[in-house]
Amino acid sequence: MLPGLLYLLINNYLPMFGMIIAFKDINFAKGIFGSDWIGLKNFEYLFKTSDAFIITRNTLLYNGAFIIVNTLGAITIAILLNEIRAKLYQRFYQSVVILPHLISMVIVSYLVFAMLSSDSGLLNKSILPLLGLEEISWYSSKEYWPYILTTVNIWKGIGFLSVIYLASIISIDPEYYEAATLDGASKWQQIRKITVPLIMPVITIMTLLAIGRIFYSDFGLFYQVPMDSGILSDTTSVIDTYVYRALMNLGDIGMSSAAGVYQSIVGFVLVILSNYTVRKFNKENALF
């Protein structure tokens, strides 16, 4: 256990001392500990601007939508994969579904760019003209990006989640389905009355774990895919990208640290609550 514990100590716990930056007016000549203590002024400045509302709203709404859509989509794909009887085809489709999860978000961002580019994008140059529609400047039109980001997230993440649900479905005793078939139950009735209820504990646990991280976002999805377009910031900025931009573009170490502490505290509370809920759920349903 020692190598793993040392990694956690160095990578996860020692950096926590940096939280003090959020409460100081950083002066590089004086150093972090020698800089003037300003209390909650960095937090006051953050929450007096409209940025705090925008990044909190976007983070919660995007992640909430991701949880709902990915869960429903992953369950559907898992059920469909389970209905493929030929093992060779089942493994092939599993590989196809999970492949996007293994692709770097940087590569994904260029795949999206190849679709949406104003100069040579597939949509503007091939698909929209066929439909008799005008070209769209995707990277300067904010109204489309909630749908684009949600679609990219589904395409990239739904495969991994569906494999987890597929493993749960495979573990269901076949005798349940045999008995239902003898009673004349249709395939839809078997799914509704047997499959979904029996994997509901796994669905609940995965959903609660996702809710525990609802205040954290995929940095690559919100920064790389929109190509860091400032025009789209109202619809693509989340807490993770705001912290990065506040540090790299504005050079405001105090405010970026304050935003990070705000995210960490709320995320910590959500993780504790979701962990408590999962434990209570497991105890009540005697899963372990």
C-alpha atoms as a PDB file:
ATOM      1  CA  MET A   1       0.000   0.000   0.000  1.00  0.00           C
ATOM      2  CA  LEU A   2       2.938   2.343   0.646  1.00  0.00           C
ATOM      3  CA  PRO A   3       3.537   3.515  -2.980  1.00  0.00           C
ATOM      4  CA  GLY A   4      -0.171   4.263  -3.433  1.00  0.00           C
ATOM      5  CA  LEU A   5      -0.382   6.100  -0.110  1.00  0.00           C
ATOM      6  CA  LEU A   6       2.708   8.178  -0.950  1.00  0.00           C
ATOM      7  CA  TYR A   7       1.176   9.084  -4.325  1.00  0.00           C
ATOM      8  CA  LEU A   8      -2.062  10.193  -2.659  1.00  0.00           C
ATOM      9  CA  LEU A   9      -0.144  12.190  -0.052  1.00  0.00           C
ATOM     10  CA  ILE A  10       2.018  14.009  -2.613  1.00  0.00           C
ATOM     11  CA  ASN A  11      -0.579  14.463  -5.355  1.00  0.00           C
ATOM     12  CA  ASN A  12      -3.826  14.925  -3.400  1.00  0.00           C
ATOM     13  CA  TYR A  13      -3.120  16.096   0.134  1.00  0.00           C
ATOM     14  CA  LEU A  14       0.032  18.231   0.149  1.00  0.00           C
ATOM     15  CA  PRO A  15      -1.425  20.636  -2.479  1.00  0.00           C
ATOM     16  CA  MET A  16      -4.272  21.401  -0.044  1.00  0.00           C
ATOM     17  CA  PHE A  17      -1.953  23.839   1.730  1.00  0.00           C
ATOM     18  CA  GLY A  18      -2.324  25.986  -1.385  1.00  0.00           C
ATOM     19  CA  MET A  19      -5.889  26.813  -0.330  1.00  0.00           C
ATOM     20  CA  ILE A  20      -4.385  29.607   1.765  1.00  0.00           C
ATOM     21  CA  ILE A  21      -3.827  31.530  -1.499  1.00  0.00           C
ATOM     22  CA  ALA A  22      -7.578  32.150  -1.730  1.00  0.00           C
ATOM     23  CA  PHE A  23      -7.388  34.235   1.460  1.00  0.00           C
ATOM     24  CA  LYS A  24      -4.303  36.305   0.584  1.00  0.00           C
ATOM     25  CA  ASP A  25      -3.283  39.156  -1.697  1.00  0.00           C
ATOM     26  CA  ILE A  26      -0.422  37.337  -3.366  1.00  0.00           C
ATOM     27  CA  ASN A  27       2.816  39.268  -3.662  1.00  0.00           C
ATOM     28  CA  PHE A  28       5.573  37.238  -5.304  1.00  0.00           C
ATOM     29  CA  ALA A  29       8.271  39.283  -3.557  1.00  0.00           C
ATOM     30  CA  LYS A  30       6.851  38.340  -0.154  1.00  0.00           C
ATOM     31  CA  GLY A  31       5.948  34.765  -1.028  1.00  0.00           C
ATOM     32  CA  ILE A  32       2.727  32.907  -0.287  1.00  0.00           C
ATOM     33  CA  PHE A  33       3.010  32.894   3.493  1.00  0.00           C
ATOM     34  CA  GLY A  34       4.414  36.416   3.656  1.00  0.00           C
ATOM     35  CA  SER A  35       1.678  37.996   1.516  1.00  0.00           C
ATOM     36  CA  ASP A  36      -1.022  40.107   3.164  1.00  0.00           C
ATOM     37  CA  TRP A  37      -4.026  38.287   4.602  1.00  0.00           C
ATOM     38  CA  ILE A  38      -7.258  39.668   3.087  1.00  0.00           C
ATOM     39  CA  GLY A  39      -9.795  37.173   4.399  1.00  0.00           C
ATOM     40  CA  LEU A  40     -12.796  36.609   2.139  1.00  0.00           C
ATOM     41  CA  LYS A  41     -12.192  39.528  -0.256  1.00  0.00           C
ATOM     42  CA  ASN A  42     -11.301  37.216  -3.145  1.00  0.00           C
ATOM     43  CA  PHE A  43     -14.584  35.390  -2.602  1.00  0.00           C
ATOM     44  CA  GLU A  44     -16.493  38.683  -2.376  1.00  0.00           C
ATOM     45  CA  TYR A  45     -14.997  39.837  -5.664  1.00  0.00           C
ATOM     46  CA  LEU A  46     -15.857  36.510  -7.301  1.00  0.00           C
ATOM     47  CA  PHE A  47     -19.479  36.465  -6.181  1.00  0.00           C
ATOM     48  CA  LYS A  48     -20.104  40.160  -6.888  1.00  0.00           C
ATOM     49  CA  THR A  49     -19.517  39.495 -10.575  1.00  0.00           C
ATOM     50  CA  SER A  50     -21.930  37.629 -12.830  1.00  0.00           C
ATOM     51  CA  ASP A  51     -19.238  35.019 -13.423  1.00  0.00           C
ATOM     52  CA  ALA A  52     -20.055  33.052 -10.267  1.00  0.00           C
ATOM     53  CA  PHE A  53     -23.688  32.600 -11.283  1.00  0.00           C
ATOM     54  CA  ILE A  54     -22.809  31.698 -14.889  1.00  0.00           C
ATOM     55  CA  ILE A  55     -20.160  29.083 -14.077  1.00  0.00           C
ATOM     56  CA  THR A  56     -22.257  27.547 -11.276  1.00  0.00           C
ATOM     57  CA  ARG A  57     -25.356  27.427 -13.484  1.00  0.00           C
ATOM     58  CA  ASN A  58     -23.491  25.902 -16.401  1.00  0.00           C
ATOM     59  CA  THR A  59     -21.687  23.345 -14.238  1.00  0.00           C
ATOM     60  CA  LEU A  60     -24.862  22.118 -12.556  1.00  0.00           C
ATOM     61  CA  LEU A  61     -27.120  22.153 -15.630  1.00  0.00           C
ATOM     62  CA  TYR A  62     -24.624  20.462 -17.940  1.00  0.00           C
ATOM     63  CA  ASN A  63     -23.711  17.762 -15.450  1.00  0.00           C
ATOM     64  CA  GLY A  64     -27.362  17.247 -14.521  1.00  0.00           C
ATOM     65  CA  ALA A  65     -28.242  16.754 -18.190  1.00  0.00           C
ATOM     66  CA  PHE A  66     -25.241  14.441 -18.684  1.00  0.00           C
ATOM     67  CA  ILE A  67     -26.310  12.246 -15.768  1.00  0.00           C
ATOM     68  CA  ILE A  68     -29.893  11.866 -17.009  1.00  0.00           C
ATOM     69  CA  VAL A  69     -29.140  11.379 -20.710  1.00  0.00           C
ATOM     70  CA  ASN A  70     -26.090   9.140 -20.230  1.00  0.00           C
ATOM     71  CA  THR A  71     -27.880   6.914 -17.724  1.00  0.00           C
ATOM     72  CA  LEU A  72     -30.927   6.392 -19.947  1.00  0.00           C
ATOM     73  CA  GLY A  73     -28.778   5.912 -23.060  1.00  0.00           C
ATOM     74  CA  ALA A  74     -26.357   3.519 -21.364  1.00  0.00           C
ATOM     75  CA  ILE A  75     -29.186   1.335 -20.026  1.00  0.00           C
ATOM     76  CA  THR A  76     -30.745   1.198 -23.498  1.00  0.00           C
ATOM     77  CA  ILE A  77     -27.450   0.236 -25.170  1.00  0.00           C
ATOM     78  CA  ALA A  78     -26.718  -2.369 -22.478  1.00  0.00           C
ATOM     79  CA  ILE A  79     -30.126  -3.999 -23.017  1.00  0.00           C
ATOM     80  CA  LEU A  80     -29.614  -4.010 -26.799  1.00  0.00           C
ATOM     81  CA  LEU A  81     -26.133  -5.516 -26.466  1.00  0.00           C
ATOM     82  CA  ASN A  82     -27.495  -8.197 -24.168  1.00  0.00           C
ATOM     83  CA  GLU A  83     -29.993  -9.217 -26.860  1.00  0.00           C
ATOM     84  CA  ILE A  84     -27.162 -10.042 -29.311  1.00  0.00           C
ATOM     85  CA  ARG A  85     -26.729 -13.798 -28.988  1.00  0.00           C
ATOM     86  CA  ALA A  86     -23.645 -14.244 -31.162  1.00  0.00           C
ATOM     87  CA  LYS A  87     -20.665 -13.659 -28.851  1.00  0.00           C
ATOM     88  CA  LEU A  88     -18.426 -12.461 -31.670  1.00  0.00           C
ATOM     89  CA  TYR A  89     -20.863  -9.739 -32.714  1.00  0.00           C
ATOM     90  CA  GLN A  90     -21.563  -8.789 -29.110  1.00  0.00           C
ATOM     91  CA  ARG A  91     -17.856  -8.244 -28.406  1.00  0.00           C
ATOM     92  CA  PHE A  92     -17.454  -6.315 -31.649  1.00  0.00           C
ATOM     93  CA  TYR A  93     -20.284  -3.909 -30.805  1.00  0.00           C
ATOM     94  CA  GLN A  94     -19.011  -3.547 -27.232  1.00  0.00           C
ATOM     95  CA  SER A  95     -15.632  -2.501 -28.633  1.00  0.00           C
ATOM     96  CA  VAL A  96     -17.249  -0.039 -31.039  1.00  0.00           C
ATOM     97  CA  VAL A  97     -19.326   1.518 -28.260  1.00  0.00           C
ATOM     98  CA  ILE A  98     -16.472   1.868 -25.774  1.00  0.00           C
ATOM     99  CA  LEU A  99     -13.852   3.065 -28.299  1.00  0.00           C
ATOM    100  CA  PRO A 100     -14.744   6.807 -28.034  1.00  0.00           C
ATOM    101  CA  HIS A 101     -14.126   6.625 -24.273  1.00  0.00           C
ATOM    102  CA  LEU A 102     -10.470   5.812 -25.013  1.00  0.00           C
ATOM    103  CA  ILE A 103      -9.906   8.742 -27.385  1.00  0.00           C
ATOM    104  CA  SER A 104      -8.188  11.853 -26.037  1.00  0.00           C
ATOM    105  CA  MET A 105     -10.419  14.908 -25.742  1.00  0.00           C
ATOM    106  CA  VAL A 106      -7.877  16.868 -27.803  1.00  0.00           C
ATOM    107  CA  ILE A 107      -8.440  14.483 -30.716  1.00  0.00           C
ATOM    108  CA  VAL A 108     -12.194  14.669 -30.133  1.00  0.00           C
ATOM    109  CA  SER A 109     -12.014  18.462 -30.344  1.00  0.00           C
ATOM    110  CA  TYR A 110     -10.447  18.249 -33.821  1.00  0.00           C
ATOM    111  CA  LEU A 111     -13.018  15.667 -34.924  1.00  0.00           C
ATOM    112  CA  VAL A 112     -15.717  18.149 -33.868  1.00  0.00           C
ATOM    113  CA  PHE A 113     -13.836  20.937 -35.661  1.00  0.00           C
ATOM    114  CA  ALA A 114     -13.787  18.818 -38.833  1.00  0.00           C
ATOM    115  CA  MET A 115     -17.583  18.670 -38.571  1.00  0.00           C
ATOM    116  CA  LEU A 116     -18.238  22.305 -37.645  1.00  0.00           C
ATOM    117  CA  SER A 117     -15.501  24.337 -39.336  1.00  0.00           C
ATOM    118  CA  SER A 118     -16.838  27.283 -41.315  1.00  0.00           C
ATOM    119  CA  ASP A 119     -14.271  26.814 -44.081  1.00  0.00           C
ATOM    120  CA  SER A 120     -14.232  23.062 -44.613  1.00  0.00           C
ATOM    121  CA  GLY A 121     -16.582  21.487 -42.069  1.00  0.00           C
ATOM    122  CA  LEU A 122     -18.674  18.509 -43.131  1.00  0.00           C
ATOM    123  CA  LEU A 123     -21.904  20.091 -41.911  1.00  0.00           C
ATOM    124  CA  ASN A 124     -21.444  23.439 -43.654  1.00  0.00           C
ATOM    125  CA  LYS A 125     -20.013  22.101 -46.906  1.00  0.00           C
ATOM    126  CA  SER A 126     -21.949  18.876 -47.385  1.00  0.00           C
ATOM    127  CA  ILE A 127     -24.938  18.269 -45.128  1.00  0.00           C
ATOM    128  CA  LEU A 128     -26.561  21.706 -44.775  1.00  0.00           C
ATOM    129  CA  PRO A 129     -26.475  22.448 -48.540  1.00  0.00           C
ATOM    130  CA  LEU A 130     -28.193  19.098 -49.207  1.00  0.00           C
ATOM    131  CA  LEU A 131     -30.968  20.133 -46.827  1.00  0.00           C
ATOM    132  CA  GLY A 132     -31.272  23.550 -48.450  1.00  0.00           C
ATOM    133  CA  LEU A 133     -30.030  25.322 -45.304  1.00  0.00           C
ATOM    134  CA  GLU A 134     -27.572  28.169 -44.972  1.00  0.00           C
ATOM    135  CA  GLU A 135     -24.125  27.694 -43.501  1.00  0.00           C
ATOM    136  CA  ILE A 136     -23.788  28.348 -39.767  1.00  0.00           C
ATOM    137  CA  SER A 137     -20.844  29.920 -37.977  1.00  0.00           C
ATOM    138  CA  TRP A 138     -20.833  27.319 -35.220  1.00  0.00           C
ATOM    139  CA  TYR A 139     -17.941  28.744 -33.194  1.00  0.00           C
ATOM    140  CA  SER A 140     -19.647  32.127 -32.826  1.00  0.00           C
ATOM    141  CA  SER A 141     -23.234  30.926 -32.258  1.00  0.00           C
ATOM    142  CA  LYS A 142     -23.859  30.305 -28.561  1.00  0.00           C
ATOM    143  CA  GLU A 143     -27.321  28.800 -28.901  1.00  0.00           C
ATOM    144  CA  TYR A 144     -26.088  25.546 -30.473  1.00  0.00           C
ATOM    145  CA  TRP A 145     -23.387  24.637 -27.975  1.00  0.00           C
ATOM    146  CA  PRO A 146     -25.467  23.140 -25.148  1.00  0.00           C
ATOM    147  CA  TYR A 147     -26.626  20.544 -27.676  1.00  0.00           C
ATOM    148  CA  ILE A 148     -23.168  20.082 -29.220  1.00  0.00           C
ATOM    149  CA  LEU A 149     -21.453  19.563 -25.859  1.00  0.00           C
ATOM    150  CA  THR A 150     -24.174  17.196 -24.680  1.00  0.00           C
ATOM    151  CA  THR A 151     -23.893  15.169 -27.894  1.00  0.00           C
ATOM    152  CA  VAL A 152     -20.093  14.949 -27.639  1.00  0.00           C
ATOM    153  CA  ASN A 153     -20.312  13.909 -23.987  1.00  0.00           C
ATOM    154  CA  ILE A 154     -22.850  11.188 -24.816  1.00  0.00           C
ATOM    155  CA  TRP A 155     -20.778   9.887 -27.729  1.00  0.00           C
ATOM    156  CA  LYS A 156     -17.604   9.745 -25.641  1.00  0.00           C
ATOM    157  CA  GLY A 157     -18.880   8.568 -22.268  1.00  0.00           C
ATOM    158  CA  ILE A 158     -21.956   6.446 -22.820  1.00  0.00           C
ATOM    159  CA  GLY A 159     -20.033   3.341 -23.906  1.00  0.00           C
ATOM    160  CA  PHE A 160     -18.127   2.875 -20.657  1.00  0.00           C
ATOM    161  CA  LEU A 161     -21.293   3.258 -18.588  1.00  0.00           C
ATOM    162  CA  SER A 162     -23.214   0.842 -20.814  1.00  0.00           C
ATOM    163  CA  VAL A 163     -20.569  -1.874 -20.264  1.00  0.00           C
ATOM    164  CA  ILE A 164     -21.082  -1.545 -16.499  1.00  0.00           C
ATOM    165  CA  TYR A 165     -24.829  -1.984 -16.894  1.00  0.00           C
ATOM    166  CA  LEU A 166     -24.295  -4.840 -19.343  1.00  0.00           C
ATOM    167  CA  ALA A 167     -22.236  -6.677 -16.722  1.00  0.00           C
ATOM    168  CA  SER A 168     -25.133  -6.256 -14.278  1.00  0.00           C
ATOM    169  CA  ILE A 169     -27.653  -7.549 -16.808  1.00  0.00           C
ATOM    170  CA  ILE A 170     -25.512 -10.592 -17.647  1.00  0.00           C
ATOM    171  CA  SER A 171     -25.413 -11.516 -13.959  1.00  0.00           C
ATOM    172  CA  ILE A 172     -29.224 -11.842 -13.808  1.00  0.00           C
ATOM    173  CA  ASP A 173     -30.340 -15.470 -13.455  1.00  0.00           C
ATOM    174  CA  PRO A 174     -31.718 -16.680 -16.868  1.00  0.00           C
ATOM    175  CA  GLU A 175     -34.434 -18.607 -15.047  1.00  0.00           C
ATOM    176  CA  TYR A 176     -36.323 -15.343 -14.505  1.00  0.00           C
ATOM    177  CA  TYR A 177     -36.596 -14.839 -18.252  1.00  0.00           C
ATOM    178  CA  GLU A 178     -37.459 -18.494 -18.884  1.00  0.00           C
ATOM    179  CA  ALA A 179     -40.313 -18.317 -16.392  1.00  0.00           C
ATOM    180  CA  ALA A 180     -41.533 -15.039 -17.907  1.00  0.00           C
ATOM    181  CA  THR A 181     -41.438 -16.552 -21.412  1.00  0.00           C
ATOM    182  CA  LEU A 182     -43.510 -19.516 -20.243  1.00  0.00           C
ATOM    183  CA  ASP A 183     -46.048 -17.079 -18.794  1.00  0.00           C
ATOM    184  CA  GLY A 184     -46.298 -15.363 -22.182  1.00  0.00           C
ATOM    185  CA  ALA A 185     -44.419 -12.161 -21.278  1.00  0.00           C
ATOM    186  CA  SER A 186     -43.263 -10.103 -24.252  1.00  0.00           C
ATOM    187  CA  LYS A 187     -39.684  -8.863 -24.601  1.00  0.00           C
ATOM    188  CA  TRP A 188     -40.722  -5.369 -23.509  1.00  0.00           C
ATOM    189  CA  GLN A 189     -42.494  -6.795 -20.443  1.00  0.00           C
ATOM    190  CA  GLN A 190     -39.373  -8.784 -19.536  1.00  0.00           C
ATOM    191  CA  ILE A 191     -37.247  -5.657 -19.753  1.00  0.00           C
ATOM    192  CA  ARG A 192     -39.710  -3.576 -17.729  1.00  0.00           C
ATOM    193  CA  LYS A 193     -40.533  -6.170 -15.087  1.00  0.00           C
ATOM    194  CA  ILE A 194     -37.252  -8.098 -14.757  1.00  0.00           C
ATOM    195  CA  THR A 195     -34.201  -6.387 -16.253  1.00  0.00           C
ATOM    196  CA  VAL A 196     -34.676  -2.814 -15.070  1.00  0.00           C
ATOM    197  CA  PRO A 197     -35.831  -3.672 -11.497  1.00  0.00           C
ATOM    198  CA  LEU A 198     -32.935  -6.111 -10.973  1.00  0.00           C
ATOM    199  CA  ILE A 199     -30.261  -3.658 -12.124  1.00  0.00           C
ATOM    200  CA  MET A 200     -31.871  -0.745 -10.274  1.00  0.00           C
ATOM    201  CA  PRO A 201     -29.389  -1.011  -7.339  1.00  0.00           C
ATOM    202  CA  VAL A 202     -26.466  -0.537  -9.758  1.00  0.00           C
ATOM    203  CA  ILE A 203     -28.289   2.323 -11.517  1.00  0.00           C
ATOM    204  CA  THR A 204     -28.890   4.018  -8.180  1.00  0.00           C
ATOM    205  CA  ILE A 205     -25.289   3.674  -7.032  1.00  0.00           C
ATOM    206  CA  MET A 206     -23.841   4.947 -10.332  1.00  0.00           C
ATOM    207  CA  THR A 207     -26.258   7.892 -10.332  1.00  0.00           C
ATOM    208  CA  LEU A 208     -25.452   8.831  -6.744  1.00  0.00           C
ATOM    209  CA  LEU A 209     -21.731   8.655  -7.446  1.00  0.00           C
ATOM    210  CA  ALA A 210     -22.230  10.912 -10.474  1.00  0.00           C
ATOM    211  CA  ILE A 211     -24.237  13.376  -8.361  1.00  0.00           C
ATOM    212  CA  GLY A 212     -21.341  13.436  -5.906  1.00  0.00           C
ATOM    213  CA  ARG A 213     -19.157  14.864  -8.675  1.00  0.00           C
ATOM    214  CA  ILE A 214     -21.789  17.121 -10.216  1.00  0.00           C
ATOM    215  CA  PHE A 215     -19.725  20.203  -9.298  1.00  0.00           C
ATOM    216  CA  TYR A 216     -16.762  18.973 -11.327  1.00  0.00           C
ATOM    217  CA  SER A 217     -16.607  19.079 -15.112  1.00  0.00           C
ATOM    218  CA  ASP A 218     -14.598  17.536 -17.906  1.00  0.00           C
ATOM    219  CA  PHE A 219     -12.065  20.296 -18.564  1.00  0.00           C
ATOM    220  CA  GLY A 220     -11.234  18.993 -22.040  1.00  0.00           C
ATOM    221  CA  LEU A 221     -14.885  18.917 -23.086  1.00  0.00           C
ATOM    222  CA  PHE A 222     -15.564  22.544 -22.119  1.00  0.00           C
ATOM    223  CA  TYR A 223     -12.178  23.999 -23.065  1.00  0.00           C
ATOM    224  CA  GLN A 224     -10.824  21.975 -25.991  1.00  0.00           C
ATOM    225  CA  VAL A 225     -14.030  21.203 -27.914  1.00  0.00           C
ATOM    226  CA  PRO A 226     -15.212  24.878 -28.191  1.00  0.00           C
ATOM    227  CA  MET A 227     -11.598  25.775 -29.096  1.00  0.00           C
ATOM    228  CA  ASP A 228     -11.499  28.251 -26.179  1.00  0.00           C
ATOM    229  CA  SER A 229     -13.765  30.627 -28.087  1.00  0.00           C
ATOM    230  CA  GLY A 230     -14.464  33.728 -25.977  1.00  0.00           C
ATOM    231  CA  ILE A 231     -17.742  34.371 -27.801  1.00  0.00           C
ATOM    232  CA  LEU A 232     -19.093  31.099 -26.448  1.00  0.00           C
ATOM    233  CA  SER A 233     -17.996  31.692 -22.836  1.00  0.00           C
ATOM    234  CA  ASP A 234     -21.533  32.294 -21.519  1.00  0.00           C
ATOM    235  CA  THR A 235     -22.593  28.810 -22.585  1.00  0.00           C
ATOM    236  CA  THR A 236     -19.316  26.868 -22.297  1.00  0.00           C
ATOM    237  CA  SER A 237     -17.691  28.275 -19.139  1.00  0.00           C
ATOM    238  CA  VAL A 238     -17.757  26.020 -16.098  1.00  0.00           C
ATOM    239  CA  ILE A 239     -15.867  26.250 -12.817  1.00  0.00           C
ATOM    240  CA  ASP A 240     -12.881  24.236 -14.087  1.00  0.00           C
ATOM    241  CA  THR A 241     -12.361  26.376 -17.185  1.00  0.00           C
ATOM    242  CA  TYR A 242     -12.971  29.600 -15.222  1.00  0.00           C
ATOM    243  CA  VAL A 243     -10.200  28.733 -12.748  1.00  0.00           C
ATOM    244  CA  TYR A 244      -7.817  28.063 -15.634  1.00  0.00           C
ATOM    245  CA  ARG A 245      -8.689  31.264 -17.507  1.00  0.00           C
ATOM    246  CA  ALA A 246      -8.546  33.416 -14.361  1.00  0.00           C
ATOM    247  CA  LEU A 247      -5.053  32.141 -13.726  1.00  0.00           C
ATOM    248  CA  MET A 248      -3.634  32.044 -17.271  1.00  0.00           C
ATOM    249  CA  ASN A 249      -5.365  35.009 -18.928  1.00  0.00           C
ATOM    250  CA  LEU A 250      -6.044  37.409 -16.062  1.00  0.00           C
ATOM    251  CA  GLY A 251      -3.166  36.367 -13.828  1.00  0.00           C
ATOM    252  CA  ASP A 252      -5.508  36.651 -10.839  1.00  0.00           C
ATOM    253  CA  ILE A 253      -4.152  33.918  -8.590  1.00  0.00           C
ATOM    254  CA  GLY A 254      -6.313  34.886  -5.600  1.00  0.00           C
ATOM    255  CA  MET A 255      -9.639  34.809  -7.440  1.00  0.00           C
ATOM    256  CA  SER A 256      -8.831  31.623  -9.361  1.00  0.00           C
ATOM    257  CA  SER A 257      -7.880  29.976  -6.074  1.00  0.00           C
ATOM    258  CA  ALA A 258     -11.101  31.248  -4.481  1.00  0.00           C
ATOM    259  CA  ALA A 259     -13.124  29.682  -7.308  1.00  0.00           C
ATOM    260  CA  GLY A 260     -11.223  26.422  -6.845  1.00  0.00           C
ATOM    261  CA  VAL A 261     -11.850  26.421  -3.080  1.00  0.00           C
ATOM    262  CA  TYR A 262     -15.544  27.163  -3.690  1.00  0.00           C
ATOM    263  CA  GLN A 263     -15.716  24.193  -6.054  1.00  0.00           C
ATOM    264  CA  SER A 264     -13.815  21.939  -3.655  1.00  0.00           C
ATOM    265  CA  ILE A 265     -15.951  22.744  -0.617  1.00  0.00           C
ATOM    266  CA  VAL A 266     -19.265  22.253  -2.404  1.00  0.00           C
ATOM    267  CA  GLY A 267     -17.911  19.148  -4.146  1.00  0.00           C
ATOM    268  CA  PHE A 268     -16.718  17.759  -0.796  1.00  0.00           C
ATOM    269  CA  VAL A 269     -20.162  18.243   0.736  1.00  0.00           C
ATOM    270  CA  LEU A 270     -21.829  16.552  -2.249  1.00  0.00           C
ATOM    271  CA  VAL A 271     -19.403  13.608  -2.133  1.00  0.00           C
ATOM    272  CA  ILE A 272     -20.038  13.110   1.600  1.00  0.00           C
ATOM    273  CA  LEU A 273     -23.812  13.299   1.119  1.00  0.00           C
ATOM    274  CA  SER A 274     -23.780  10.910  -1.848  1.00  0.00           C
ATOM    275  CA  ASN A 275     -21.491   8.512   0.037  1.00  0.00           C
ATOM    276  CA  TYR A 276     -23.879   8.571   3.009  1.00  0.00           C
ATOM    277  CA  THR A 277     -26.850   7.994   0.702  1.00  0.00           C
ATOM    278  CA  VAL A 278     -25.126   5.078  -1.064  1.00  0.00           C
ATOM    279  CA  ARG A 279     -24.227   3.448   2.262  1.00  0.00           C
ATOM    280  CA  LYS A 280     -27.762   3.889   3.556  1.00  0.00           C
ATOM    281  CA  PHE A 281     -29.198   2.531   0.309  1.00  0.00           C
ATOM    282  CA  ASN A 282     -26.881  -0.497   0.405  1.00  0.00           C
ATOM    283  CA  LYS A 283     -27.762  -1.202   4.030  1.00  0.00           C
ATOM    284  CA  GLU A 284     -31.490  -0.985   3.413  1.00  0.00           C
ATOM    285  CA  ASN A 285     -31.303  -3.237   0.347  1.00  0.00           C
ATOM    286  CA  ALA A 286     -28.698  -5.614   1.811  1.00  0.00           C
ATOM    287  CA  LEU A 287     -26.475  -5.406  -1.273  1.00  0.00           C
ATOM    288  CA  PHE A 288     -23.277  -6.042   0.687  1.00  0.00           C
END
